[in-house]
C-alpha atoms as a PDB file:
ATOM      1  CA  MET A   1     -58.006 -18.139  -3.286  1.00  0.00           C
ATOM      2  CA  LYS A   2     -55.471 -17.409  -0.282  1.00  0.00           C
ATOM      3  CA  SER A   3     -52.717 -19.125  -1.916  1.00  0.00           C
ATOM      4  CA  ARG A   4     -53.176 -16.260  -4.800  1.00  0.00           C
ATOM      5  CA  LEU A   5     -53.595 -13.899  -2.432  1.00  0.00           C
ATOM      6  CA  PHE A   6     -50.157 -14.651  -0.604  1.00  0.00           C
ATOM      7  CA  GLN A   7     -48.844 -14.752  -4.453  1.00  0.00           C
ATOM      8  CA  GLY A   8     -50.054 -11.406  -5.279  1.00  0.00           C
ATOM      9  CA  ALA A   9     -48.957 -10.181  -1.685  1.00  0.00           C
ATOM     10  CA  SER A  10     -45.240 -11.650  -2.671  1.00  0.00           C
ATOM     11  CA  LEU A  11     -45.227  -9.946  -6.078  1.00  0.00           C
ATOM     12  CA  CYS A  12     -46.093  -6.795  -4.829  1.00  0.00           C
ATOM     13  CA  VAL A  13     -43.235  -6.944  -2.106  1.00  0.00           C
ATOM     14  CA  ALA A  14     -40.623  -8.166  -4.488  1.00  0.00           C
ATOM     15  CA  ALA A  15     -42.101  -5.447  -6.863  1.00  0.00           C
ATOM     16  CA  LEU A  16     -41.715  -2.425  -3.719  1.00  0.00           C
ATOM     17  CA  SER A  17     -38.166  -4.011  -3.141  1.00  0.00           C
ATOM     18  CA  VAL A  18     -36.830  -3.333  -6.387  1.00  0.00           C
ATOM     19  CA  PHE A  19     -38.308  -0.248  -6.541  1.00  0.00           C
ATOM     20  CA  ALA A  20     -37.139   0.698  -3.366  1.00  0.00           C
ATOM     21  CA  SER A  21     -33.329  -0.748  -4.523  1.00  0.00           C
ATOM     22  CA  ALA A  22     -33.882   1.572  -8.001  1.00  0.00           C
ATOM     23  CA  ALA A  23     -34.281   4.694  -5.918  1.00  0.00           C
ATOM     24  CA  LEU A  24     -31.632   3.737  -3.559  1.00  0.00           C
ATOM     25  CA  ALA A  25     -29.295   3.772  -6.605  1.00  0.00           C
ATOM     26  CA  GLN A  26     -30.014   6.931  -8.034  1.00  0.00           C
ATOM     27  CA  THR A  27     -29.822   8.804  -4.600  1.00  0.00           C
ATOM     28  CA  ARG A  28     -26.645   7.598  -3.672  1.00  0.00           C
ATOM     29  CA  THR A  29     -23.547  10.026  -4.585  1.00  0.00           C
ATOM     30  CA  LYS A  30     -20.658   8.689  -6.715  1.00  0.00           C
ATOM     31  CA  LEU A  31     -17.303   8.824  -4.878  1.00  0.00           C
ATOM     32  CA  THR A  32     -14.334   8.452  -7.436  1.00  0.00           C
ATOM     33  CA  ALA A  33     -11.063   6.644  -5.063  1.00  0.00           C
ATOM     34  CA  TYR A  34      -7.935   6.660  -6.342  1.00  0.00           C
ATOM     35  CA  THR A  35      -5.774   3.901  -4.950  1.00  0.00           C
ATOM     36  CA  ALA A  36      -2.898   1.546  -4.877  1.00  0.00           C
ATOM     37  CA  LEU A  37      -4.826  -1.501  -3.178  1.00  0.00           C
ATOM     38  CA  GLU A  38      -4.247  -4.593  -4.449  1.00  0.00           C
ATOM     39  CA  ASN A  39      -6.743  -5.808  -6.861  1.00  0.00           C
ATOM     40  CA  ASP A  40      -8.124  -8.352  -4.571  1.00  0.00           C
ATOM     41  CA  GLN A  41      -8.671  -5.891  -1.795  1.00  0.00           C
ATOM     42  CA  LEU A  42     -11.152  -3.609  -4.076  1.00  0.00           C
ATOM     43  CA  PRO A  43     -13.971  -5.454  -3.754  1.00  0.00           C
ATOM     44  CA  PRO A  44     -14.498  -6.563  -0.009  1.00  0.00           C
ATOM     45  CA  PHE A  45     -13.479  -2.484   0.641  1.00  0.00           C
ATOM     46  CA  LYS A  46     -16.107  -1.420  -1.485  1.00  0.00           C
ATOM     47  CA  ALA A  47     -18.671  -3.304   0.066  1.00  0.00           C
ATOM     48  CA  ALA A  48     -17.565  -2.696   3.676  1.00  0.00           C
ATOM     49  CA  ILE A  49     -17.115   0.604   2.963  1.00  0.00           C
ATOM     50  CA  GLU A  50     -21.046   0.491   0.970  1.00  0.00           C
ATOM     51  CA  ALA A  51     -22.272  -0.896   3.687  1.00  0.00           C
ATOM     52  CA  ALA A  52     -21.411   1.431   6.646  1.00  0.00           C
ATOM     53  CA  VAL A  53     -22.049   4.961   4.432  1.00  0.00           C
ATOM     54  CA  PRO A  54     -25.260   3.618   2.511  1.00  0.00           C
ATOM     55  CA  ASP A  55     -26.009   6.353   0.109  1.00  0.00           C
ATOM     56  CA  VAL A  56     -22.253   6.325  -1.718  1.00  0.00           C
ATOM     57  CA  GLU A  57     -20.951   4.142  -4.262  1.00  0.00           C
ATOM     58  CA  ILE A  58     -17.845   3.743  -4.651  1.00  0.00           C
ATOM     59  CA  VAL A  59     -15.676   3.830  -7.898  1.00  0.00           C
ATOM     60  CA  TRP A  60     -12.262   3.035  -8.031  1.00  0.00           C
ATOM     61  CA  VAL A  61      -8.889   4.056 -10.117  1.00  0.00           C
ATOM     62  CA  ARG A  62      -6.110   1.543  -9.500  1.00  0.00           C
ATOM     63  CA  ASP A  63      -2.629   1.749 -10.447  1.00  0.00           C
ATOM     64  CA  SER A  64       0.779   1.167  -8.621  1.00  0.00           C
ATOM     65  CA  THR A  65       1.458   4.161  -6.190  1.00  0.00           C
ATOM     66  CA  GLY A  66       3.919   5.923  -8.492  1.00  0.00           C
ATOM     67  CA  VAL A  67       1.376   5.536 -11.503  1.00  0.00           C
ATOM     68  CA  ILE A  68      -1.558   6.966  -9.169  1.00  0.00           C
ATOM     69  CA  THR A  69       0.464  10.143  -7.620  1.00  0.00           C
ATOM     70  CA  ALA A  70       1.719  10.856 -11.179  1.00  0.00           C
ATOM     71  CA  ARG A  71      -1.919  11.077 -12.201  1.00  0.00           C
ATOM     72  CA  PHE A  72      -3.025  13.086  -8.955  1.00  0.00           C
ATOM     73  CA  LEU A  73      -0.342  15.110  -9.944  1.00  0.00           C
ATOM     74  CA  ALA A  74      -1.041  15.987 -13.707  1.00  0.00           C
ATOM     75  CA  GLU A  75      -4.456  16.334 -12.901  1.00  0.00           C
ATOM     76  CA  LYS A  76      -3.765  18.989 -10.402  1.00  0.00           C
ATOM     77  CA  ASP A  77      -5.384  21.590 -12.055  1.00  0.00           C
ATOM     78  CA  ASN A  78      -8.518  19.831 -12.711  1.00  0.00           C
ATOM     79  CA  PRO A  79      -9.244  17.179 -10.169  1.00  0.00           C
ATOM     80  CA  ARG A  80     -10.583  13.788 -11.269  1.00  0.00           C
ATOM     81  CA  ALA A  81     -10.958  11.799  -8.114  1.00  0.00           C
ATOM     82  CA  ASP A  82     -12.952  12.894  -4.664  1.00  0.00           C
ATOM     83  CA  LEU A  83     -10.677  10.608  -2.716  1.00  0.00           C
ATOM     84  CA  VAL A  84      -7.308   9.035  -2.125  1.00  0.00           C
ATOM     85  CA  ILE A  85      -7.655   5.685  -0.240  1.00  0.00           C
ATOM     86  CA  GLY A  86      -4.269   3.066   0.040  1.00  0.00           C
ATOM     87  CA  LEU A  87      -2.263   5.263  -1.211  1.00  0.00           C
ATOM     88  CA  ALA A  88       1.304   5.755   0.849  1.00  0.00           C
ATOM     89  CA  ALA A  89       1.717   9.067   2.934  1.00  0.00           C
ATOM     90  CA  THR A  90       4.841  10.333   1.314  1.00  0.00           C
ATOM     91  CA  SER A  91       2.608  10.626  -1.555  1.00  0.00           C
ATOM     92  CA  THR A  92      -0.693  12.077   0.551  1.00  0.00           C
ATOM     93  CA  LEU A  93       2.212  14.730   2.205  1.00  0.00           C
ATOM     94  CA  LEU A  94       3.248  15.770  -1.079  1.00  0.00           C
ATOM     95  CA  PHE A  95      -0.305  16.619  -2.719  1.00  0.00           C
ATOM     96  CA  GLU A  96      -0.384  18.478   1.750  1.00  0.00           C
ATOM     97  CA  LYS A  97       2.347  20.644   0.458  1.00  0.00           C
ATOM     98  CA  MET A  98       0.922  21.528  -3.065  1.00  0.00           C
ATOM     99  CA  ASN A  99      -2.634  22.148  -1.103  1.00  0.00           C
ATOM    100  CA  LEU A 100      -4.400  19.671  -3.129  1.00  0.00           C
ATOM    101  CA  LEU A 101      -5.891  17.815  -0.300  1.00  0.00           C
ATOM    102  CA  GLU A 102      -8.885  19.057   2.332  1.00  0.00           C
ATOM    103  CA  SER A 103      -8.375  19.687   6.322  1.00  0.00           C
ATOM    104  CA  TYR A 104     -10.215  17.353   7.595  1.00  0.00           C
ATOM    105  CA  SER A 105      -9.497  15.146  10.850  1.00  0.00           C
ATOM    106  CA  PRO A 106     -11.760  12.178  10.151  1.00  0.00           C
ATOM    107  CA  THR A 107     -14.201  11.099  14.020  1.00  0.00           C
ATOM    108  CA  GLY A 108     -11.912   8.649  15.453  1.00  0.00           C
ATOM    109  CA  ALA A 109      -8.693   9.899  14.047  1.00  0.00           C
ATOM    110  CA  ASP A 110      -7.176  10.641  17.629  1.00  0.00           C
ATOM    111  CA  LYS A 111      -7.586   7.081  18.966  1.00  0.00           C
ATOM    112  CA  LEU A 112      -5.360   5.798  16.380  1.00  0.00           C
ATOM    113  CA  ARG A 113      -1.495   5.203  16.254  1.00  0.00           C
ATOM    114  CA  PRO A 114      -0.163   8.520  16.464  1.00  0.00           C
ATOM    115  CA  ALA A 115       2.498   7.414  13.313  1.00  0.00           C
ATOM    116  CA  PHE A 116      -0.790   6.918  11.677  1.00  0.00           C
ATOM    117  CA  ARG A 117      -2.380  10.902  11.837  1.00  0.00           C
ATOM    118  CA  ASP A 118      -1.053  13.635  10.212  1.00  0.00           C
ATOM    119  CA  GLY A 119       1.221  15.434  12.289  1.00  0.00           C
ATOM    120  CA  ALA A 120       2.509  18.293   9.845  1.00  0.00           C
ATOM    121  CA  GLY A 121       0.243  21.804   9.554  1.00  0.00           C
ATOM    122  CA  ASP A 122      -3.493  21.449   8.523  1.00  0.00           C
ATOM    123  CA  TYR A 123      -4.383  17.886   9.183  1.00  0.00           C
ATOM    124  CA  THR A 124      -5.184  16.329   5.694  1.00  0.00           C
ATOM    125  CA  TRP A 125      -4.439  12.729   5.821  1.00  0.00           C
ATOM    126  CA  THR A 126      -5.180   9.461   8.041  1.00  0.00           C
ATOM    127  CA  GLY A 127      -3.169   6.402   8.206  1.00  0.00           C
ATOM    128  CA  THR A 128      -4.599   3.002   7.853  1.00  0.00           C
ATOM    129  CA  ALA A 129      -1.909   0.298   7.865  1.00  0.00           C
ATOM    130  CA  ALA A 130       1.878   0.139   7.356  1.00  0.00           C
ATOM    131  CA  ILE A 131       3.382  -1.640   4.195  1.00  0.00           C
ATOM    132  CA  LEU A 132       7.101  -2.660   4.584  1.00  0.00           C
ATOM    133  CA  ALA A 133       9.673  -4.372   2.870  1.00  0.00           C
ATOM    134  CA  VAL A 134      10.981  -7.730   3.807  1.00  0.00           C
ATOM    135  CA  VAL A 135      13.286 -10.017   2.466  1.00  0.00           C
ATOM    136  CA  CYS A 136      11.551 -12.891   0.895  1.00  0.00           C
ATOM    137  CA  TYR A 137      14.625 -15.932   0.326  1.00  0.00           C
ATOM    138  CA  ASN A 138      14.249 -19.077  -1.585  1.00  0.00           C
ATOM    139  CA  THR A 139      15.541 -21.707   0.390  1.00  0.00           C
ATOM    140  CA  VAL A 140      16.034 -24.386  -2.416  1.00  0.00           C
ATOM    141  CA  GLU A 141      17.444 -22.215  -4.828  1.00  0.00           C
ATOM    142  CA  ALA A 142      19.868 -20.968  -2.160  1.00  0.00           C
ATOM    143  CA  LYS A 143      20.701 -24.758  -1.587  1.00  0.00           C
ATOM    144  CA  LYS A 144      21.896 -25.571  -4.926  1.00  0.00           C
ATOM    145  CA  ALA A 145      23.658 -22.247  -5.006  1.00  0.00           C
ATOM    146  CA  ASN A 146      25.230 -23.012  -1.103  1.00  0.00           C
ATOM    147  CA  ALA A 147      24.744 -20.007  -0.595  1.00  0.00           C
ATOM    148  CA  VAL A 148      24.460 -18.587   2.862  1.00  0.00           C
ATOM    149  CA  ALA A 149      21.644 -16.343   4.032  1.00  0.00           C
ATOM    150  CA  PRO A 150      21.851 -12.970   4.516  1.00  0.00           C
ATOM    151  CA  VAL A 151      21.405 -11.201   7.819  1.00  0.00           C
ATOM    152  CA  SER A 152      22.400  -7.715   7.123  1.00  0.00           C
ATOM    153  CA  TRP A 153      21.514  -5.624   3.656  1.00  0.00           C
ATOM    154  CA  ASP A 154      25.199  -5.348   2.995  1.00  0.00           C
ATOM    155  CA  ASP A 155      24.803  -9.579   2.782  1.00  0.00           C
ATOM    156  CA  LEU A 156      22.981  -9.117  -0.478  1.00  0.00           C
ATOM    157  CA  THR A 157      26.251  -7.275  -1.974  1.00  0.00           C
ATOM    158  CA  LYS A 158      28.303 -10.817  -1.936  1.00  0.00           C
ATOM    159  CA  ALA A 159      29.116 -12.778  -4.832  1.00  0.00           C
ATOM    160  CA  ASP A 160      26.165 -15.697  -3.873  1.00  0.00           C
ATOM    161  CA  PHE A 161      23.357 -13.341  -4.929  1.00  0.00           C
ATOM    162  CA  LYS A 162      25.344 -12.082  -8.922  1.00  0.00           C
ATOM    163  CA  GLY A 163      21.934 -11.513 -10.714  1.00  0.00           C
ATOM    164  CA  LYS A 164      19.998 -13.270  -8.730  1.00  0.00           C
ATOM    165  CA  VAL A 165      18.236 -10.701  -6.809  1.00  0.00           C
ATOM    166  CA  VAL A 166      15.120  -8.628  -7.776  1.00  0.00           C
ATOM    167  CA  MET A 167      13.224  -5.269  -6.212  1.00  0.00           C
ATOM    168  CA  PRO A 168      10.472  -3.000  -6.951  1.00  0.00           C
ATOM    169  CA  HIS A 169      11.118  -0.186  -9.225  1.00  0.00           C
ATOM    170  CA  PRO A 170      10.525   2.505  -7.151  1.00  0.00           C
ATOM    171  CA  ALA A 171       8.848   5.141  -9.450  1.00  0.00           C
ATOM    172  CA  SER A 172       6.360   2.795 -10.016  1.00  0.00           C
ATOM    173  CA  SER A 173       6.235   0.821  -6.606  1.00  0.00           C
ATOM    174  CA  GLY A 174       5.595   2.485  -3.479  1.00  0.00           C
ATOM    175  CA  THR A 175       7.074  -0.430  -2.007  1.00  0.00           C
ATOM    176  CA  GLY A 176      10.054   0.071  -4.012  1.00  0.00           C
ATOM    177  CA  TYR A 177      10.393   3.734  -2.784  1.00  0.00           C
ATOM    178  CA  LEU A 178      10.047   3.339   0.994  1.00  0.00           C
ATOM    179  CA  GLN A 179      13.114   0.888   0.923  1.00  0.00           C
ATOM    180  CA  VAL A 180      15.334   2.940  -1.229  1.00  0.00           C
ATOM    181  CA  ALA A 181      14.353   5.947   1.159  1.00  0.00           C
ATOM    182  CA  ALA A 182      15.090   3.499   3.979  1.00  0.00           C
ATOM    183  CA  TRP A 183      18.755   2.942   3.041  1.00  0.00           C
ATOM    184  CA  LEU A 184      19.634   6.713   2.456  1.00  0.00           C
ATOM    185  CA  GLN A 185      18.100   7.097   5.877  1.00  0.00           C
ATOM    186  CA  LEU A 186      19.789   4.487   7.760  1.00  0.00           C
ATOM    187  CA  MET A 187      23.269   4.891   5.874  1.00  0.00           C
ATOM    188  CA  GLY A 188      23.243   8.658   5.085  1.00  0.00           C
ATOM    189  CA  GLU A 189      23.590  10.041   1.439  1.00  0.00           C
ATOM    190  CA  GLU A 190      26.992   8.985   0.334  1.00  0.00           C
ATOM    191  CA  LYS A 191      26.834   5.495   1.564  1.00  0.00           C
ATOM    192  CA  GLY A 192      23.338   5.305   0.482  1.00  0.00           C
ATOM    193  CA  TRP A 193      23.938   5.249  -3.099  1.00  0.00           C
ATOM    194  CA  ALA A 194      27.146   3.311  -2.557  1.00  0.00           C
ATOM    195  CA  PHE A 195      24.996   0.188  -0.932  1.00  0.00           C
ATOM    196  CA  MET A 196      22.765   0.676  -4.510  1.00  0.00           C
ATOM    197  CA  ASP A 197      25.825   0.877  -6.827  1.00  0.00           C
ATOM    198  CA  LYS A 198      26.598  -2.463  -4.974  1.00  0.00           C
ATOM    199  CA  LEU A 199      23.219  -4.140  -5.216  1.00  0.00           C
ATOM    200  CA  HIS A 200      22.790  -3.557  -9.311  1.00  0.00           C
ATOM    201  CA  ASP A 201      25.292  -5.653  -9.727  1.00  0.00           C
ATOM    202  CA  ASN A 202      23.352  -8.443  -8.179  1.00  0.00           C
ATOM    203  CA  VAL A 203      19.928  -7.621  -9.584  1.00  0.00           C
ATOM    204  CA  ALA A 204      18.271  -9.512 -12.291  1.00  0.00           C
ATOM    205  CA  VAL A 205      15.447  -6.907 -12.783  1.00  0.00           C
ATOM    206  CA  TYR A 206      13.756  -3.982 -10.838  1.00  0.00           C
ATOM    207  CA  THR A 207      10.001  -5.056 -11.144  1.00  0.00           C
ATOM    208  CA  HIS A 208       6.907  -2.484 -11.627  1.00  0.00           C
ATOM    209  CA  SER A 209       5.386  -4.118  -8.503  1.00  0.00           C
ATOM    210  CA  GLY A 210       5.669  -4.697  -5.135  1.00  0.00           C
ATOM    211  CA  SER A 211       4.042  -7.951  -4.678  1.00  0.00           C
ATOM    212  CA  ALA A 212       6.567  -9.429  -7.849  1.00  0.00           C
ATOM    213  CA  PRO A 213       9.712  -9.878  -6.219  1.00  0.00           C
ATOM    214  CA  CYS A 214       8.502 -12.254  -3.286  1.00  0.00           C
ATOM    215  CA  VAL A 215       6.301 -14.204  -6.247  1.00  0.00           C
ATOM    216  CA  GLN A 216       9.756 -14.516  -8.243  1.00  0.00           C
ATOM    217  CA  ALA A 217      11.015 -16.047  -5.543  1.00  0.00           C
ATOM    218  CA  ALA A 218       8.446 -17.917  -4.508  1.00  0.00           C
ATOM    219  CA  LYS A 219       8.565 -19.676  -7.859  1.00  0.00           C
ATOM    220  CA  GLY A 220      12.081 -20.159  -7.548  1.00  0.00           C
ATOM    221  CA  GLU A 221      12.371 -17.854 -10.341  1.00  0.00           C
ATOM    222  CA  ARG A 222      14.888 -15.568  -7.985  1.00  0.00           C
ATOM    223  CA  MET A 223      16.889 -16.727  -5.565  1.00  0.00           C
ATOM    224  CA  VAL A 224      16.134 -13.309  -3.409  1.00  0.00           C
ATOM    225  CA  GLY A 225      13.267 -11.117  -3.538  1.00  0.00           C
ATOM    226  CA  ILE A 226      12.934  -7.687  -1.419  1.00  0.00           C
ATOM    227  CA  GLY A 227       9.117  -7.087  -1.675  1.00  0.00           C
ATOM    228  CA  PHE A 228       6.045  -6.337  -0.063  1.00  0.00           C
ATOM    229  CA  ASP A 229       5.671  -7.945   3.501  1.00  0.00           C
ATOM    230  CA  MET A 230       2.182  -9.384   3.591  1.00  0.00           C
ATOM    231  CA  ARG A 231       3.085 -11.328  -0.302  1.00  0.00           C
ATOM    232  CA  GLY A 232       5.970 -12.801   0.983  1.00  0.00           C
ATOM    233  CA  ALA A 233       3.835 -14.104   3.925  1.00  0.00           C
ATOM    234  CA  ARG A 234       0.641 -15.342   1.724  1.00  0.00           C
ATOM    235  CA  GLU A 235       3.483 -17.088  -0.694  1.00  0.00           C
ATOM    236  CA  LYS A 236       5.037 -19.257   2.568  1.00  0.00           C
ATOM    237  CA  THR A 237       1.645 -20.106   3.986  1.00  0.00           C
ATOM    238  CA  ASN A 238       0.936 -21.209   0.377  1.00  0.00           C
ATOM    239  CA  GLY A 239       3.520 -23.735   0.280  1.00  0.00           C
ATOM    240  CA  ALA A 240       6.418 -21.898  -1.191  1.00  0.00           C
ATOM    241  CA  PRO A 241       9.922 -22.743   0.130  1.00  0.00           C
ATOM    242  CA  ILE A 242      11.008 -19.237   1.066  1.00  0.00           C
ATOM    243  CA  ASP A 243      12.145 -17.486   4.418  1.00  0.00           C
ATOM    244  CA  LEU A 244      10.912 -13.906   5.428  1.00  0.00           C
ATOM    245  CA  ILE A 245      14.035 -12.456   6.380  1.00  0.00           C
ATOM    246  CA  VAL A 246      14.235  -9.046   7.848  1.00  0.00           C
ATOM    247  CA  PRO A 247      17.949  -7.297   7.719  1.00  0.00           C
ATOM    248  CA  LYS A 248      19.739  -6.295  10.989  1.00  0.00           C
ATOM    249  CA  GLU A 249      19.581  -2.696  10.236  1.00  0.00           C
ATOM    250  CA  GLY A 250      15.785  -2.397   9.845  1.00  0.00           C
ATOM    251  CA  VAL A 251      13.391  -2.334   7.611  1.00  0.00           C
ATOM    252  CA  GLY A 252      11.615   0.741   5.024  1.00  0.00           C
ATOM    253  CA  TRP A 253       8.205   1.597   5.402  1.00  0.00           C
ATOM    254  CA  ASP A 254       5.206   3.571   4.849  1.00  0.00           C
ATOM    255  CA  VAL A 255       1.497   4.182   5.622  1.00  0.00           C
ATOM    256  CA  GLU A 256      -1.242   3.835   3.552  1.00  0.00           C
ATOM    257  CA  THR A 257      -3.669   6.332   3.881  1.00  0.00           C
ATOM    258  CA  THR A 258      -7.070   7.922   3.315  1.00  0.00           C
ATOM    259  CA  ALA A 259      -7.434  11.753   2.019  1.00  0.00           C
ATOM    260  CA  ILE A 260      -9.963  13.972   0.630  1.00  0.00           C
ATOM    261  CA  VAL A 261      -9.451  15.931  -2.802  1.00  0.00           C
ATOM    262  CA  LYS A 262      -9.232  19.492  -2.272  1.00  0.00           C
ATOM    263  CA  GLY A 263     -12.697  20.998  -4.565  1.00  0.00           C
ATOM    264  CA  THR A 264     -14.798  17.818  -4.632  1.00  0.00           C
ATOM    265  CA  LYS A 265     -18.259  18.820  -4.808  1.00  0.00           C
ATOM    266  CA  ASN A 266     -19.356  15.390  -2.634  1.00  0.00           C
ATOM    267  CA  LEU A 267     -17.382  16.993   0.061  1.00  0.00           C
ATOM    268  CA  ALA A 268     -20.168  15.836   2.721  1.00  0.00           C
ATOM    269  CA  ALA A 269     -19.699  11.440   1.749  1.00  0.00           C
ATOM    270  CA  ALA A 270     -16.589  11.794   1.218  1.00  0.00           C
ATOM    271  CA  LYS A 271     -15.908  13.044   4.808  1.00  0.00           C
ATOM    272  CA  LYS A 272     -18.426  10.054   5.788  1.00  0.00           C
ATOM    273  CA  VAL A 273     -15.877   7.497   4.224  1.00  0.00           C
ATOM    274  CA  ALA A 274     -13.125   9.375   5.712  1.00  0.00           C
ATOM    275  CA  ASP A 275     -14.803   8.939   9.244  1.00  0.00           C
ATOM    276  CA  TRP A 276     -15.470   5.304   8.426  1.00  0.00           C
ATOM    277  CA  THR A 277     -11.612   4.692   7.641  1.00  0.00           C
ATOM    278  CA  ALA A 278     -11.025   5.449  11.205  1.00  0.00           C
ATOM    279  CA  THR A 279     -13.494   2.615  12.839  1.00  0.00           C
ATOM    280  CA  LYS A 280     -12.263  -0.033  14.677  1.00  0.00           C
ATOM    281  CA  GLY A 281     -14.808  -1.919  11.993  1.00  0.00           C
ATOM    282  CA  ALA A 282     -12.578  -0.485   9.331  1.00  0.00           C
ATOM    283  CA  ASN A 283      -9.196  -1.552  10.499  1.00  0.00           C
ATOM    284  CA  GLU A 284     -10.310  -5.062  11.362  1.00  0.00           C
ATOM    285  CA  LEU A 285     -10.696  -5.112   7.374  1.00  0.00           C
ATOM    286  CA  PHE A 286      -7.386  -3.552   7.157  1.00  0.00           C
ATOM    287  CA  SER A 287      -5.855  -5.838   9.445  1.00  0.00           C
ATOM    288  CA  LYS A 288      -6.890  -8.778   7.118  1.00  0.00           C
ATOM    289  CA  TYR A 289      -4.668  -7.350   4.226  1.00  0.00           C
ATOM    290  CA  SER A 290      -1.681  -5.488   7.025  1.00  0.00           C
ATOM    291  CA  ALA A 291       0.049  -6.223   9.789  1.00  0.00           C
ATOM    292  CA  ILE A 292       0.076  -3.518  11.379  1.00  0.00           C
ATOM    293  CA  VAL A 293      -2.833  -1.070  11.166  1.00  0.00           C
ATOM    294  CA  ALA A 294      -3.670   2.427  12.485  1.00  0.00           C
ATOM    295  CA  HIS A 295      -5.575   1.377  15.325  1.00  0.00           C
ATOM    296  CA  PRO A 296      -3.972   0.277  18.915  1.00  0.00           C
ATOM    297  CA  GLU A 297      -6.655  -2.515  19.503  1.00  0.00           C
ATOM    298  CA  VAL A 298      -6.686  -4.253  16.315  1.00  0.00           C
ATOM    299  CA  LYS A 299      -3.808  -7.024  15.693  1.00  0.00           C
ATOM    300  CA  ASN A 300      -4.134  -9.404  13.501  1.00  0.00           C
ATOM    301  CA  ALA A 301      -0.669 -10.655  12.417  1.00  0.00           C
ATOM    302  CA  PRO A 302      -1.142 -13.953   9.788  1.00  0.00           C
ATOM    303  CA  PRO A 303       0.584 -17.113   9.277  1.00  0.00           C
ATOM    304  CA  ASN A 304       4.073 -16.942   8.896  1.00  0.00           C
ATOM    305  CA  TYR A 305       4.872 -13.229   9.483  1.00  0.00           C
ATOM    306  CA  PRO A 306       7.988 -12.136  10.688  1.00  0.00           C
ATOM    307  CA  ALA A 307       7.504 -11.318  14.519  1.00  0.00           C
ATOM    308  CA  GLU A 308      10.290  -9.434  14.840  1.00  0.00           C
ATOM    309  CA  ALA A 309       9.319  -7.004  12.113  1.00  0.00           C
ATOM    310  CA  GLU A 310       7.734  -4.465  13.741  1.00  0.00           C
ATOM    311  CA  GLY A 311      10.950  -3.918  15.809  1.00  0.00           C
ATOM    312  CA  LYS A 312      12.431  -3.432  12.547  1.00  0.00           C
ATOM    313  CA  LEU A 313      10.781  -0.599  11.321  1.00  0.00           C
ATOM    314  CA  VAL A 314      13.340   2.066  10.800  1.00  0.00           C
ATOM    315  CA  LYS A 315      12.947   5.724  12.279  1.00  0.00           C
ATOM    316  CA  ASN A 316      11.153   7.564   8.995  1.00  0.00           C
ATOM    317  CA  ASP A 317      10.945  11.231   8.592  1.00  0.00           C
ATOM    318  CA  PHE A 318       8.090  11.030   6.147  1.00  0.00           C
ATOM    319  CA  ALA A 319       8.275  14.247   5.494  1.00  0.00           C
ATOM    320  CA  TRP A 320      11.578  14.423   3.862  1.00  0.00           C
ATOM    321  CA  MET A 321      10.606  11.296   2.041  1.00  0.00           C
ATOM    322  CA  ALA A 322       7.631  13.099  -0.165  1.00  0.00           C
ATOM    323  CA  ALA A 323       9.968  16.384  -0.570  1.00  0.00           C
ATOM    324  CA  GLU A 324      13.038  14.549  -1.631  1.00  0.00           C
ATOM    325  CA  ARG A 325      10.872  11.779  -3.959  1.00  0.00           C
ATOM    326  CA  ASP A 326      11.312  13.580  -7.100  1.00  0.00           C
ATOM    327  CA  ARG A 327      14.947  14.610  -6.774  1.00  0.00           C
ATOM    328  CA  ILE A 328      15.497  10.503  -5.164  1.00  0.00           C
ATOM    329  CA  LEU A 329      13.781   9.072  -8.317  1.00  0.00           C
ATOM    330  CA  LYS A 330      15.340  10.938 -10.719  1.00  0.00           C
ATOM    331  CA  GLU A 331      19.219  10.312  -9.531  1.00  0.00           C
ATOM    332  CA  TRP A 332      17.908   6.336  -9.387  1.00  0.00           C
ATOM    333  CA  VAL A 333      16.822   6.481 -12.629  1.00  0.00           C
ATOM    334  CA  LYS A 334      19.567   8.010 -14.111  1.00  0.00           C
ATOM    335  CA  ARG A 335      22.257   5.007 -12.001  1.00  0.00           C
ATOM    336  CA  TYR A 336      19.848   1.902 -12.938  1.00  0.00           C
ATOM    337  CA  GLU A 337      17.146   2.524 -15.044  1.00  0.00           C
ATOM    338  CA  SER A 338      19.264  -0.135 -17.737  1.00  0.00           C
ATOM    339  CA  LYS A 339      17.759  -3.266 -15.721  1.00  0.00           C
ATOM    340  CA  ALA A 340      14.448  -1.853 -15.063  1.00  0.00           C
ATOM    341  CA  GLN A 341      11.674  -4.698 -16.261  1.00  0.00           C
ATOM    342  CA  PRO A 342       9.684  -3.367 -20.037  1.00  0.00           C
ATOM    343  CA  LYS A 343       6.414  -1.477 -19.405  1.00  0.00           C
END
């Protein structure tokens, strides 16, 4: 009899738990978040956000930086997103200029590194992690070709690398655009375009993914991949015969950001998520995927990450990168689209 009573009580508890879960699901606010985060990052970020903000359900809309930026702008008169999470600052600055973002400074944002905080006009975006480009150099393929490892960007224009370089398409990939913008800032417009003309002669293809160049170099499909830093470190850790090279002039970089879309009907819930992204705990999660994050107390560079990378970040003018993006991309497409990877 006692056993039956316990069984009955257990069933009641289980039923109540199911009802409670169902009730919570019905009361949660669905937030549509546009993102350029990597696909493998989406489940852990969703789980972490929903654990920290239990009355929210995150619905991701994910694509490359260029595609998400174009989609957001196409919807500017009828926004579909509540938030952007993990989108380059050069995109959110463009949205800010067009008055498409809510003015909001998350709790704790003042404790983050200055480069990760909106410093222009109304505060609309908060940085979470840095994205930068490195050179992934396949040492096995280089040895076959008797090539000498590059130490500067100009070295990649040498005959050793004819048809053996791959890099991201800047209109599709944030990694591609940040490096193109870095060359123009480092060298000046005239010399920057002249450099890219020479580099183009050695490029085999421009990929639509920022990760693809280092993956292709890791597989030996190309000798040189100009690509996403963390992907390069992961491929090397997984045993790929690549060196991660930081050219002496410096490397391009951008900041992944969070921002709230102006006019969202879920403003209170979106603010809670924005607050979470500024916490130390959130930055510890970001640091699993990025070596450089916004919170100054969080450091977690992965194995085989180039120690000199942070010290070689070019001096970026993010406002210029955002304002000149369309012009730069149009010029780039006019010159180099012939080697773009088919979509």
